[in-house]
PDB file of N, CA and C in Angstrom:
ATOM      1  N   UNK A   1       0.839  -1.204  -0.048  1.00  0.00           N
ATOM      2  CA  UNK A   1      -0.090  -0.041   0.038  1.00  0.00           C
ATOM      3  C   UNK A   1       0.980   1.291   0.009  1.00  0.00           C
ATOM      4  N   UNK A   2       0.645   2.227  -1.027  1.00  0.00           N
ATOM      5  CA  UNK A   2       1.573   3.315  -1.043  1.00  0.00           C
ATOM      6  C   UNK A   2       0.941   4.403  -0.272  1.00  0.00           C
ATOM      7  N   UNK A   3       1.760   5.382   0.105  1.00  0.00           N
ATOM      8  CA  UNK A   3       1.346   6.636   0.921  1.00  0.00           C
ATOM      9  C   UNK A   3       0.508   7.497  -0.004  1.00  0.00           C
ATOM     10  N   UNK A   4       0.762   7.646  -1.209  1.00  0.00           N
ATOM     11  CA  UNK A   4      -0.037   8.514  -2.140  1.00  0.00           C
ATOM     12  C   UNK A   4      -0.824   7.546  -2.971  1.00  0.00           C
ATOM     13  N   UNK A   5      -2.063   7.731  -2.946  1.00  0.00           N
ATOM     14  CA  UNK A   5      -2.941   6.701  -3.672  1.00  0.00           C
ATOM     15  C   UNK A   5      -3.068   7.072  -5.135  1.00  0.00           C
ATOM     16  N   UNK A   6      -2.944   8.326  -5.642  1.00  0.00           N
ATOM     17  CA  UNK A   6      -3.066   8.650  -6.923  1.00  0.00           C
ATOM     18  C   UNK A   6      -1.966   9.735  -7.275  1.00  0.00           C
ATOM     19  N   UNK A   7      -0.709   9.112  -7.587  1.00  0.00           N
ATOM     20  CA  UNK A   7       0.412  10.121  -7.671  1.00  0.00           C
ATOM     21  C   UNK A   7       0.405  11.054  -8.841  1.00  0.00           C
ATOM     22  N   UNK A   8      -0.342  10.668  -9.903  1.00  0.00           N
ATOM     23  CA  UNK A   8      -0.482  11.653 -11.079  1.00  0.00           C
ATOM     24  C   UNK A   8      -1.322  12.851 -10.664  1.00  0.00           C
ATOM     25  N   UNK A   9      -2.446  12.586  -9.764  1.00  0.00           N
ATOM     26  CA  UNK A   9      -3.329  13.619  -9.354  1.00  0.00           C
ATOM     27  C   UNK A   9      -2.571  14.485  -8.367  1.00  0.00           C
ATOM     28  N   UNK A  10      -1.778  13.872  -7.525  1.00  0.00           N
ATOM     29  CA  UNK A  10      -0.990  14.605  -6.652  1.00  0.00           C
ATOM     30  C   UNK A  10      -0.015  15.422  -7.323  1.00  0.00           C
ATOM     31  N   UNK A  11       0.751  15.039  -8.473  1.00  0.00           N
ATOM     32  CA  UNK A  11       1.783  15.719  -9.210  1.00  0.00           C
ATOM     33  C   UNK A  11       1.007  16.962  -9.876  1.00  0.00           C
ATOM     34  N   UNK A  12      -0.104  16.561 -10.446  1.00  0.00           N
ATOM     35  CA  UNK A  12      -0.798  17.751 -11.192  1.00  0.00           C
ATOM     36  C   UNK A  12      -1.198  18.834 -10.150  1.00  0.00           C
ATOM     37  N   UNK A  13      -1.488  18.478  -8.933  1.00  0.00           N
ATOM     38  CA  UNK A  13      -1.950  19.477  -7.992  1.00  0.00           C
ATOM     39  C   UNK A  13      -0.828  20.257  -7.429  1.00  0.00           C
ATOM     40  N   UNK A  14       0.376  19.668  -7.242  1.00  0.00           N
ATOM     41  CA  UNK A  14       1.571  20.359  -6.871  1.00  0.00           C
ATOM     42  C   UNK A  14       1.936  21.281  -8.009  1.00  0.00           C
ATOM     43  N   UNK A  15       1.876  20.818  -9.294  1.00  0.00           N
ATOM     44  CA  UNK A  15       2.282  21.625 -10.514  1.00  0.00           C
ATOM     45  C   UNK A  15       1.402  22.902 -10.538  1.00  0.00           C
ATOM     46  N   UNK A  16       0.186  22.662 -10.510  1.00  0.00           N
ATOM     47  CA  UNK A  16      -0.876  23.712 -10.471  1.00  0.00           C
ATOM     48  C   UNK A  16      -0.495  24.872  -9.244  1.00  0.00           C
ATOM     49  N   UNK A  17      -0.379  24.241  -8.066  1.00  0.00           N
ATOM     50  CA  UNK A  17       0.065  25.055  -6.966  1.00  0.00           C
ATOM     51  C   UNK A  17       1.364  25.926  -7.167  1.00  0.00           C
ATOM     52  N   UNK A  18       2.440  25.360  -7.873  1.00  0.00           N
ATOM     53  CA  UNK A  18       3.567  26.184  -8.135  1.00  0.00           C
ATOM     54  C   UNK A  18       3.291  27.225  -9.224  1.00  0.00           C
ATOM     55  N   UNK A  19       2.449  26.824 -10.240  1.00  0.00           N
ATOM     56  CA  UNK A  19       2.088  27.861 -11.109  1.00  0.00           C
ATOM     57  C   UNK A  19       1.270  28.894 -10.530  1.00  0.00           C
ATOM     58  N   UNK A  20       0.370  28.603  -9.614  1.00  0.00           N
ATOM     59  CA  UNK A  20      -0.354  29.729  -8.852  1.00  0.00           C
ATOM     60  C   UNK A  20       0.514  30.616  -8.107  1.00  0.00           C
ATOM     61  N   UNK A  21       1.646  30.034  -7.446  1.00  0.00           N
ATOM     62  CA  UNK A  21       2.523  30.912  -6.666  1.00  0.00           C
ATOM     63  C   UNK A  21       3.490  31.866  -7.569  1.00  0.00           C
ATOM     64  N   UNK A  22       3.766  31.256  -8.749  1.00  0.00           N
ATOM     65  CA  UNK A  22       4.513  32.117  -9.719  1.00  0.00           C
ATOM     66  C   UNK A  22       3.636  33.218 -10.339  1.00  0.00           C
ATOM     67  N   UNK A  23       2.333  32.928 -10.654  1.00  0.00           N
ATOM     68  CA  UNK A  23       1.390  33.973 -11.052  1.00  0.00           C
ATOM     69  C   UNK A  23       1.184  35.058  -9.867  1.00  0.00           C
ATOM     70  N   UNK A  24       1.063  34.645  -8.738  1.00  0.00           N
ATOM     71  CA  UNK A  24       1.029  35.512  -7.530  1.00  0.00           C
ATOM     72  C   UNK A  24       2.130  36.556  -7.475  1.00  0.00           C
ATOM     73  N   UNK A  25       3.345  35.926  -7.573  1.00  0.00           N
ATOM     74  CA  UNK A  25       4.559  36.798  -7.763  1.00  0.00           C
ATOM     75  C   UNK A  25       4.556  37.817  -8.669  1.00  0.00           C
ATOM     76  N   UNK A  26       4.209  37.313  -9.865  1.00  0.00           N
ATOM     77  CA  UNK A  26       4.132  38.263 -11.019  1.00  0.00           C
ATOM     78  C   UNK A  26       3.128  39.450 -10.838  1.00  0.00           C
ATOM     79  N   UNK A  27       1.946  38.996 -10.347  1.00  0.00           N
ATOM     80  CA  UNK A  27       0.855  40.094 -10.069  1.00  0.00           C
ATOM     81  C   UNK A  27       1.289  40.991  -8.960  1.00  0.00           C
ATOM     82  N   UNK A  28       2.125  40.524  -7.964  1.00  0.00           N
ATOM     83  CA  UNK A  28       2.563  41.434  -6.900  1.00  0.00           C
ATOM     84  C   UNK A  28       3.562  42.479  -7.313  1.00  0.00           C
ATOM     85  N   UNK A  29       4.394  42.038  -8.370  1.00  0.00           N
ATOM     86  CA  UNK A  29       5.267  42.941  -8.942  1.00  0.00           C
ATOM     87  C   UNK A  29       4.650  44.099  -9.758  1.00  0.00           C
ATOM     88  N   UNK A  30       3.693  43.752 -10.358  1.00  0.00           N
ATOM     89  CA  UNK A  30       3.045  44.878 -11.309  1.00  0.00           C
ATOM     90  C   UNK A  30       1.688  45.432 -10.723  1.00  0.00           C
ATOM     91  N   UNK A  31       1.495  45.196  -9.490  1.00  0.00           N
ATOM     92  CA  UNK A  31       0.234  45.847  -8.809  1.00  0.00           C
ATOM     93  C   UNK A  31       0.540  47.095  -8.224  1.00  0.00           C
ATOM     94  N   UNK A  32      -0.141  48.317  -8.608  1.00  0.00           N
ATOM     95  CA  UNK A  32       0.334  49.488  -8.090  1.00  0.00           C
ATOM     96  C   UNK A  32      -0.138  49.719  -6.643  1.00  0.00           C
ATOM     97  N   UNK A  33      -1.179  49.075  -6.276  1.00  0.00           N
ATOM     98  CA  UNK A  33      -1.649  49.130  -4.854  1.00  0.00           C
ATOM     99  C   UNK A  33      -0.408  48.664  -3.915  1.00  0.00           C
ATOM    100  N   UNK A  34       0.170  47.576  -4.327  1.00  0.00           N
ATOM    101  CA  UNK A  34       1.155  46.941  -3.454  1.00  0.00           C
ATOM    102  C   UNK A  34       2.416  47.949  -3.325  1.00  0.00           C
ATOM    103  N   UNK A  35       2.720  48.469  -4.469  1.00  0.00           N
ATOM    104  CA  UNK A  35       3.891  49.505  -4.527  1.00  0.00           C
ATOM    105  C   UNK A  35       3.568  50.637  -3.612  1.00  0.00           C
ATOM    106  N   UNK A  36       2.224  51.138  -3.699  1.00  0.00           N
ATOM    107  CA  UNK A  36       1.919  52.249  -2.806  1.00  0.00           C
ATOM    108  C   UNK A  36       1.874  52.040  -1.291  1.00  0.00           C
ATOM    109  N   UNK A  37       1.395  50.852  -0.978  1.00  0.00           N
ATOM    110  CA  UNK A  37       1.349  50.438   0.295  1.00  0.00           C
ATOM    111  C   UNK A  37       2.779  50.111   0.884  1.00  0.00           C
ATOM    112  N   UNK A  38       3.593  49.584   0.149  1.00  0.00           N
ATOM    113  CA  UNK A  38       5.124  49.382   0.465  1.00  0.00           C
ATOM    114  C   UNK A  38       5.685  50.767   0.703  1.00  0.00           C
ATOM    115  N   UNK A  39       5.481  51.671  -0.142  1.00  0.00           N
ATOM    116  CA  UNK A  39       6.162  53.027  -0.003  1.00  0.00           C
ATOM    117  C   UNK A  39       5.542  53.659   1.320  1.00  0.00           C
ATOM    118  N   UNK A  40       4.307  53.554   1.536  1.00  0.00           N
ATOM    119  CA  UNK A  40       3.691  54.158   2.754  1.00  0.00           C
ATOM    120  C   UNK A  40       4.308  53.422   4.111  1.00  0.00           C
ATOM    121  N   UNK A  41       4.453  52.070   4.051  1.00  0.00           N
ATOM    122  CA  UNK A  41       4.882  51.398   5.107  1.00  0.00           C
ATOM    123  C   UNK A  41       6.408  51.804   5.358  1.00  0.00           C
ATOM    124  N   UNK A  42       7.237  51.986   4.243  1.00  0.00           N
ATOM    125  CA  UNK A  42       8.722  52.271   4.394  1.00  0.00           C
ATOM    126  C   UNK A  42       8.691  53.748   5.051  1.00  0.00           C
ATOM    127  N   UNK A  43       7.835  54.605   4.623  1.00  0.00           N
ATOM    128  CA  UNK A  43       7.776  56.058   5.100  1.00  0.00           C
ATOM    129  C   UNK A  43       7.398  56.022   6.531  1.00  0.00           C
ATOM    130  N   UNK A  44       6.387  55.268   6.842  1.00  0.00           N
ATOM    131  CA  UNK A  44       5.872  55.175   8.366  1.00  0.00           C
ATOM    132  C   UNK A  44       7.066  54.675   9.264  1.00  0.00           C
ATOM    133  N   UNK A  45       7.748  53.655   8.687  1.00  0.00           N
ATOM    134  CA  UNK A  45       8.764  52.952   9.608  1.00  0.00           C
ATOM    135  C   UNK A  45      10.050  53.871   9.709  1.00  0.00           C
ATOM    136  N   UNK A  46      10.201  54.738   8.719  1.00  0.00           N
ATOM    137  CA  UNK A  46      11.352  55.585   8.860  1.00  0.00           C
ATOM    138  C   UNK A  46      10.985  56.869   9.494  1.00  0.00           C
ATOM    139  N   UNK A  47       9.763  56.970  10.106  1.00  0.00           N
ATOM    140  CA  UNK A  47       9.302  58.009  10.919  1.00  0.00           C
ATOM    141  C   UNK A  47       9.291  59.291  10.158  1.00  0.00           C
ATOM    142  N   UNK A  48       8.607  59.313   8.980  1.00  0.00           N
ATOM    143  CA  UNK A  48       8.241  60.511   8.156  1.00  0.00           C
ATOM    144  C   UNK A  48       9.365  60.953   7.286  1.00  0.00           C
ATOM    145  N   UNK A  49      10.558  60.321   7.311  1.00  0.00           N
ATOM    146  CA  UNK A  49      11.611  60.800   6.398  1.00  0.00           C
ATOM    147  C   UNK A  49      11.057  60.410   5.003  1.00  0.00           C
ATOM    148  N   UNK A  50      11.752  61.120   3.902  1.00  0.00           N
ATOM    149  CA  UNK A  50      11.340  60.849   2.616  1.00  0.00           C
ATOM    150  C   UNK A  50      11.847  59.511   2.314  1.00  0.00           C
ATOM    151  N   UNK A  51      11.068  58.520   2.202  1.00  0.00           N
ATOM    152  CA  UNK A  51      11.501  57.153   1.943  1.00  0.00           C
ATOM    153  C   UNK A  51      10.542  56.672   0.820  1.00  0.00           C
ATOM    154  N   UNK A  52      11.070  56.279  -0.291  1.00  0.00           N
ATOM    155  CA  UNK A  52      10.276  55.695  -1.375  1.00  0.00           C
ATOM    156  C   UNK A  52      10.995  54.521  -1.886  1.00  0.00           C
ATOM    157  N   UNK A  53      10.279  53.466  -2.192  1.00  0.00           N
ATOM    158  CA  UNK A  53      10.900  52.252  -2.701  1.00  0.00           C
ATOM    159  C   UNK A  53      11.547  52.469  -4.090  1.00  0.00           C
ATOM    160  N   UNK A  54      12.584  51.611  -4.425  1.00  0.00           N
ATOM    161  CA  UNK A  54      13.172  51.742  -5.599  1.00  0.00           C
ATOM    162  C   UNK A  54      12.372  51.563  -6.821  1.00  0.00           C
ATOM    163  N   UNK A  55      11.417  50.718  -6.732  1.00  0.00           N
ATOM    164  CA  UNK A  55      10.531  50.324  -7.931  1.00  0.00           C
ATOM    165  C   UNK A  55       9.728  51.581  -8.209  1.00  0.00           C
ATOM    166  N   UNK A  56       9.154  52.177  -7.108  1.00  0.00           N
ATOM    167  CA  UNK A  56       8.283  53.377  -7.404  1.00  0.00           C
ATOM    168  C   UNK A  56       9.026  54.554  -7.786  1.00  0.00           C
ATOM    169  N   UNK A  57      10.296  54.673  -7.242  1.00  0.00           N
ATOM    170  CA  UNK A  57      11.101  55.743  -7.715  1.00  0.00           C
ATOM    171  C   UNK A  57      11.597  55.708  -9.097  1.00  0.00           C
ATOM    172  N   UNK A  58      11.854  54.455  -9.562  1.00  0.00           N
ATOM    173  CA  UNK A  58      12.188  54.283 -10.929  1.00  0.00           C
ATOM    174  C   UNK A  58      10.936  54.613 -11.942  1.00  0.00           C
ATOM    175  N   UNK A  59       9.744  54.287 -11.609  1.00  0.00           N
ATOM    176  CA  UNK A  59       8.608  54.643 -12.321  1.00  0.00           C
ATOM    177  C   UNK A  59       8.449  56.115 -12.365  1.00  0.00           C
ATOM    178  N   UNK A  60       8.600  56.734 -11.303  1.00  0.00           N
ATOM    179  CA  UNK A  60       8.565  58.336 -11.196  1.00  0.00           C
ATOM    180  C   UNK A  60       9.572  58.991 -12.079  1.00  0.00           C
ATOM    181  N   UNK A  61      10.839  58.467 -11.911  1.00  0.00           N
ATOM    182  CA  UNK A  61      12.000  59.158 -12.708  1.00  0.00           C
ATOM    183  C   UNK A  61      11.767  58.865 -14.137  1.00  0.00           C
ATOM    184  N   UNK A  62      11.188  57.768 -14.609  1.00  0.00           N
ATOM    185  CA  UNK A  62      10.963  57.502 -15.976  1.00  0.00           C
ATOM    186  C   UNK A  62       9.813  58.412 -16.473  1.00  0.00           C
ATOM    187  N   UNK A  63       8.792  58.677 -15.643  1.00  0.00           N
ATOM    188  CA  UNK A  63       7.719  59.584 -15.981  1.00  0.00           C
ATOM    189  C   UNK A  63       8.243  60.997 -16.114  1.00  0.00           C
ATOM    190  N   UNK A  64       8.977  61.534 -15.110  1.00  0.00           N
ATOM    191  CA  UNK A  64       9.565  62.782 -15.138  1.00  0.00           C
ATOM    192  C   UNK A  64      10.618  63.121 -16.271  1.00  0.00           C
ATOM    193  N   UNK A  65      11.343  62.095 -16.666  1.00  0.00           N
ATOM    194  CA  UNK A  65      12.262  62.149 -17.770  1.00  0.00           C
ATOM    195  C   UNK A  65      11.682  62.358 -19.147  1.00  0.00           C
ATOM    196  N   UNK A  66      10.410  61.974 -19.270  1.00  0.00           N
ATOM    197  CA  UNK A  66       9.814  62.127 -20.709  1.00  0.00           C
ATOM    198  C   UNK A  66       9.178  63.449 -20.853  1.00  0.00           C
ATOM    199  N   UNK A  67       9.694  64.336 -21.859  1.00  0.00           N
ATOM    200  CA  UNK A  67       9.267  65.649 -21.860  1.00  0.00           C
ATOM    201  C   UNK A  67       7.897  65.874 -22.658  1.00  0.00           C
ATOM    202  N   UNK A  68       7.532  64.935 -23.408  1.00  0.00           N
ATOM    203  CA  UNK A  68       6.212  65.194 -24.121  1.00  0.00           C
ATOM    204  C   UNK A  68       4.977  64.549 -23.319  1.00  0.00           C
ATOM    205  N   UNK A  69       4.006  65.139 -23.548  1.00  0.00           N
ATOM    206  CA  UNK A  69       2.674  64.895 -22.956  1.00  0.00           C
ATOM    207  C   UNK A  69       2.262  63.507 -23.416  1.00  0.00           C
ATOM    208  N   UNK A  70       2.372  63.363 -24.707  1.00  0.00           N
ATOM    209  CA  UNK A  70       1.911  61.969 -25.392  1.00  0.00           C
ATOM    210  C   UNK A  70       2.847  60.986 -24.812  1.00  0.00           C
ATOM    211  N   UNK A  71       4.114  61.063 -24.440  1.00  0.00           N
ATOM    212  CA  UNK A  71       4.974  59.963 -23.943  1.00  0.00           C
ATOM    213  C   UNK A  71       4.488  59.675 -22.516  1.00  0.00           C
ATOM    214  N   UNK A  72       4.161  60.676 -21.846  1.00  0.00           N
ATOM    215  CA  UNK A  72       3.733  60.492 -20.402  1.00  0.00           C
ATOM    216  C   UNK A  72       2.298  59.835 -20.342  1.00  0.00           C
ATOM    217  N   UNK A  73       1.483  60.186 -21.358  1.00  0.00           N
ATOM    218  CA  UNK A  73       0.145  59.558 -21.352  1.00  0.00           C
ATOM    219  C   UNK A  73       0.293  58.063 -21.759  1.00  0.00           C
ATOM    220  N   UNK A  74       1.310  57.733 -22.588  1.00  0.00           N
ATOM    221  CA  UNK A  74       1.437  56.383 -22.967  1.00  0.00           C
ATOM    222  C   UNK A  74       1.973  55.546 -21.700  1.00  0.00           C
ATOM    223  N   UNK A  75       2.840  56.148 -20.951  1.00  0.00           N
ATOM    224  CA  UNK A  75       3.429  55.439 -19.714  1.00  0.00           C
ATOM    225  C   UNK A  75       2.334  55.241 -18.716  1.00  0.00           C
ATOM    226  N   UNK A  76       1.480  56.256 -18.537  1.00  0.00           N
ATOM    227  CA  UNK A  76       0.284  56.191 -17.581  1.00  0.00           C
ATOM    228  C   UNK A  76      -0.569  54.968 -18.175  1.00  0.00           C
ATOM    229  N   UNK A  77      -0.941  55.031 -19.393  1.00  0.00           N
ATOM    230  CA  UNK A  77      -1.830  53.980 -19.958  1.00  0.00           C
ATOM    231  C   UNK A  77      -1.197  52.656 -19.804  1.00  0.00           C
ATOM    232  N   UNK A  78       0.146  52.468 -20.073  1.00  0.00           N
ATOM    233  CA  UNK A  78       0.806  51.093 -19.879  1.00  0.00           C
ATOM    234  C   UNK A  78       0.693  50.691 -18.415  1.00  0.00           C
ATOM    235  N   UNK A  79       0.915  51.646 -17.442  1.00  0.00           N
ATOM    236  CA  UNK A  79       0.998  51.264 -16.087  1.00  0.00           C
ATOM    237  C   UNK A  79      -0.538  50.819 -15.602  1.00  0.00           C
ATOM    238  N   UNK A  80      -1.563  51.505 -16.175  1.00  0.00           N
ATOM    239  CA  UNK A  80      -2.862  51.254 -15.824  1.00  0.00           C
ATOM    240  C   UNK A  80      -3.308  49.883 -16.505  1.00  0.00           C
ATOM    241  N   UNK A  81      -2.973  49.611 -17.648  1.00  0.00           N
ATOM    242  CA  UNK A  81      -3.316  48.310 -18.135  1.00  0.00           C
ATOM    243  C   UNK A  81      -2.628  47.240 -17.438  1.00  0.00           C
ATOM    244  N   UNK A  82      -1.439  47.436 -17.211  1.00  0.00           N
ATOM    245  CA  UNK A  82      -0.587  46.469 -16.333  1.00  0.00           C
ATOM    246  C   UNK A  82      -1.077  46.099 -14.978  1.00  0.00           C
ATOM    247  N   UNK A  83      -1.642  47.296 -14.280  1.00  0.00           N
ATOM    248  CA  UNK A  83      -2.270  47.121 -13.045  1.00  0.00           C
ATOM    249  C   UNK A  83      -3.515  46.291 -12.997  1.00  0.00           C
ATOM    250  N   UNK A  84      -4.464  46.620 -13.911  1.00  0.00           N
ATOM    251  CA  UNK A  84      -5.646  45.913 -14.018  1.00  0.00           C
ATOM    252  C   UNK A  84      -5.353  44.366 -14.396  1.00  0.00           C
ATOM    253  N   UNK A  85      -4.380  44.143 -15.351  1.00  0.00           N
ATOM    254  CA  UNK A  85      -4.070  42.844 -15.730  1.00  0.00           C
ATOM    255  C   UNK A  85      -3.477  42.078 -14.451  1.00  0.00           C
ATOM    256  N   UNK A  86      -2.794  42.853 -13.639  1.00  0.00           N
ATOM    257  CA  UNK A  86      -2.168  42.143 -12.452  1.00  0.00           C
ATOM    258  C   UNK A  86      -3.269  41.802 -11.474  1.00  0.00           C
ATOM    259  N   UNK A  87      -4.376  42.673 -11.379  1.00  0.00           N
ATOM    260  CA  UNK A  87      -5.446  42.365 -10.493  1.00  0.00           C
ATOM    261  C   UNK A  87      -6.222  41.077 -10.976  1.00  0.00           C
ATOM    262  N   UNK A  88      -6.364  40.868 -12.261  1.00  0.00           N
ATOM    263  CA  UNK A  88      -6.979  39.653 -12.723  1.00  0.00           C
ATOM    264  C   UNK A  88      -6.070  38.470 -12.618  1.00  0.00           C
ATOM    265  N   UNK A  89      -4.815  38.490 -12.831  1.00  0.00           N
ATOM    266  CA  UNK A  89      -3.888  37.439 -12.704  1.00  0.00           C
ATOM    267  C   UNK A  89      -3.829  37.105 -11.292  1.00  0.00           C
ATOM    268  N   UNK A  90      -3.878  38.106 -10.303  1.00  0.00           N
ATOM    269  CA  UNK A  90      -3.882  37.824  -8.780  1.00  0.00           C
ATOM    270  C   UNK A  90      -5.046  36.963  -8.373  1.00  0.00           C
ATOM    271  N   UNK A  91      -6.219  37.257  -9.045  1.00  0.00           N
ATOM    272  CA  UNK A  91      -7.418  36.417  -8.671  1.00  0.00           C
ATOM    273  C   UNK A  91      -7.227  34.928  -9.294  1.00  0.00           C
ATOM    274  N   UNK A  92      -6.680  34.860 -10.488  1.00  0.00           N
ATOM    275  CA  UNK A  92      -6.373  33.542 -11.129  1.00  0.00           C
ATOM    276  C   UNK A  92      -5.428  32.780 -10.250  1.00  0.00           C
ATOM    277  N   UNK A  93      -4.465  33.449  -9.739  1.00  0.00           N
ATOM    278  CA  UNK A  93      -3.400  32.761  -8.883  1.00  0.00           C
ATOM    279  C   UNK A  93      -4.122  32.199  -7.723  1.00  0.00           C
ATOM    280  N   UNK A  94      -4.971  32.946  -7.007  1.00  0.00           N
ATOM    281  CA  UNK A  94      -5.553  32.506  -5.821  1.00  0.00           C
ATOM    282  C   UNK A  94      -6.391  31.243  -6.172  1.00  0.00           C
ATOM    283  N   UNK A  95      -7.062  31.138  -7.281  1.00  0.00           N
ATOM    284  CA  UNK A  95      -7.888  29.945  -7.568  1.00  0.00           C
ATOM    285  C   UNK A  95      -6.876  28.793  -7.934  1.00  0.00           C
ATOM    286  N   UNK A  96      -5.711  29.094  -8.648  1.00  0.00           N
ATOM    287  CA  UNK A  96      -4.805  28.068  -8.958  1.00  0.00           C
ATOM    288  C   UNK A  96      -4.172  27.417  -7.675  1.00  0.00           C
ATOM    289  N   UNK A  97      -3.867  28.354  -6.678  1.00  0.00           N
ATOM    290  CA  UNK A  97      -3.326  27.915  -5.438  1.00  0.00           C
ATOM    291  C   UNK A  97      -4.352  27.027  -4.696  1.00  0.00           C
ATOM    292  N   UNK A  98      -5.525  27.397  -4.551  1.00  0.00           N
ATOM    293  CA  UNK A  98      -6.527  26.578  -3.899  1.00  0.00           C
ATOM    294  C   UNK A  98      -6.897  25.335  -4.712  1.00  0.00           C
ATOM    295  N   UNK A  99      -6.928  25.446  -5.954  1.00  0.00           N
ATOM    296  CA  UNK A  99      -7.322  24.292  -6.864  1.00  0.00           C
ATOM    297  C   UNK A  99      -6.164  23.217  -6.716  1.00  0.00           C
ATOM    298  N   UNK A 100      -4.816  23.729  -6.724  1.00  0.00           N
ATOM    299  CA  UNK A 100      -3.696  22.797  -6.584  1.00  0.00           C
ATOM    300  C   UNK A 100      -3.411  22.120  -5.309  1.00  0.00           C
ATOM    301  N   UNK A 101      -3.892  22.879  -4.305  1.00  0.00           N
ATOM    302  CA  UNK A 101      -3.925  22.184  -2.853  1.00  0.00           C
ATOM    303  C   UNK A 101      -5.109  21.267  -2.848  1.00  0.00           C
ATOM    304  N   UNK A 102      -6.269  21.452  -3.411  1.00  0.00           N
ATOM    305  CA  UNK A 102      -7.303  20.415  -3.447  1.00  0.00           C
ATOM    306  C   UNK A 102      -6.973  19.257  -4.238  1.00  0.00           C
ATOM    307  N   UNK A 103      -6.376  19.463  -5.473  1.00  0.00           N
ATOM    308  CA  UNK A 103      -5.996  18.357  -6.248  1.00  0.00           C
ATOM    309  C   UNK A 103      -5.001  17.565  -5.459  1.00  0.00           C
ATOM    310  N   UNK A 104      -3.871  18.249  -4.901  1.00  0.00           N
ATOM    311  CA  UNK A 104      -2.889  17.388  -4.198  1.00  0.00           C
ATOM    312  C   UNK A 104      -3.352  16.602  -3.043  1.00  0.00           C
ATOM    313  N   UNK A 105      -4.396  17.215  -2.323  1.00  0.00           N
ATOM    314  CA  UNK A 105      -5.094  16.508  -1.242  1.00  0.00           C
ATOM    315  C   UNK A 105      -5.834  15.377  -1.657  1.00  0.00           C
ATOM    316  N   UNK A 106      -6.563  15.626  -2.757  1.00  0.00           N
ATOM    317  CA  UNK A 106      -7.313  14.469  -3.374  1.00  0.00           C
ATOM    318  C   UNK A 106      -6.420  13.294  -3.768  1.00  0.00           C
ATOM    319  N   UNK A 107      -5.351  13.654  -4.420  1.00  0.00           N
ATOM    320  CA  UNK A 107      -4.489  12.820  -4.847  1.00  0.00           C
ATOM    321  C   UNK A 107      -3.655  11.935  -3.774  1.00  0.00           C
ATOM    322  N   UNK A 108      -3.595  12.628  -2.537  1.00  0.00           N
ATOM    323  CA  UNK A 108      -2.947  11.915  -1.475  1.00  0.00           C
ATOM    324  C   UNK A 108      -3.739  11.034  -0.577  1.00  0.00           C
ATOM    325  N   UNK A 109      -5.200  11.460  -0.400  1.00  0.00           N
ATOM    326  CA  UNK A 109      -5.975  10.747   0.439  1.00  0.00           C
ATOM    327  C   UNK A 109      -7.241  10.157  -0.276  1.00  0.00           C
ATOM    328  N   UNK A 110      -7.617  10.367  -1.414  1.00  0.00           N
ATOM    329  CA  UNK A 110      -8.815   9.887  -2.123  1.00  0.00           C
ATOM    330  C   UNK A 110      -8.410   8.418  -2.571  1.00  0.00           C
ATOM    331  N   UNK A 111      -9.295   7.515  -2.158  1.00  0.00           N
ATOM    332  CA  UNK A 111      -9.143   6.025  -2.544  1.00  0.00           C
ATOM    333  C   UNK A 111     -10.091   5.731  -3.759  1.00  0.00           C
TER     334      UNK A 111
END
C-alpha cells in the first residue's frame, strides 16, 4: 500500500500550486496598490523621512524624464493596463493555489 493513492493527481496538484505561486509573484510585482502600500509602510517605519521604494522611484523618474505629454500619457496607460491585468492574474493565482492544494489533497487521500 502506497502513501499517495493517486500520484499523477498529486503531481498535477503540486504543479498547479507552483504555477499559482508564480502567477501571484508576477501580479505582486505589477500591482500599483502593493507598491503604494510598500512605500507608505517604508515612510511610516522611517518616521516620516522621505522614503520611497526603488521600484516606485524608477517609475516616477521615467515619468519625469519624458518631456512630451504624449509619452507621459502612454506611460500612464501602460501602467494602468498592467495594474488591471495584475489584478485579474492575482485572482487567477488564488484560484490556482486553492485548486492545486485541493488536487494534491485528493491525490494523497482519495481512494
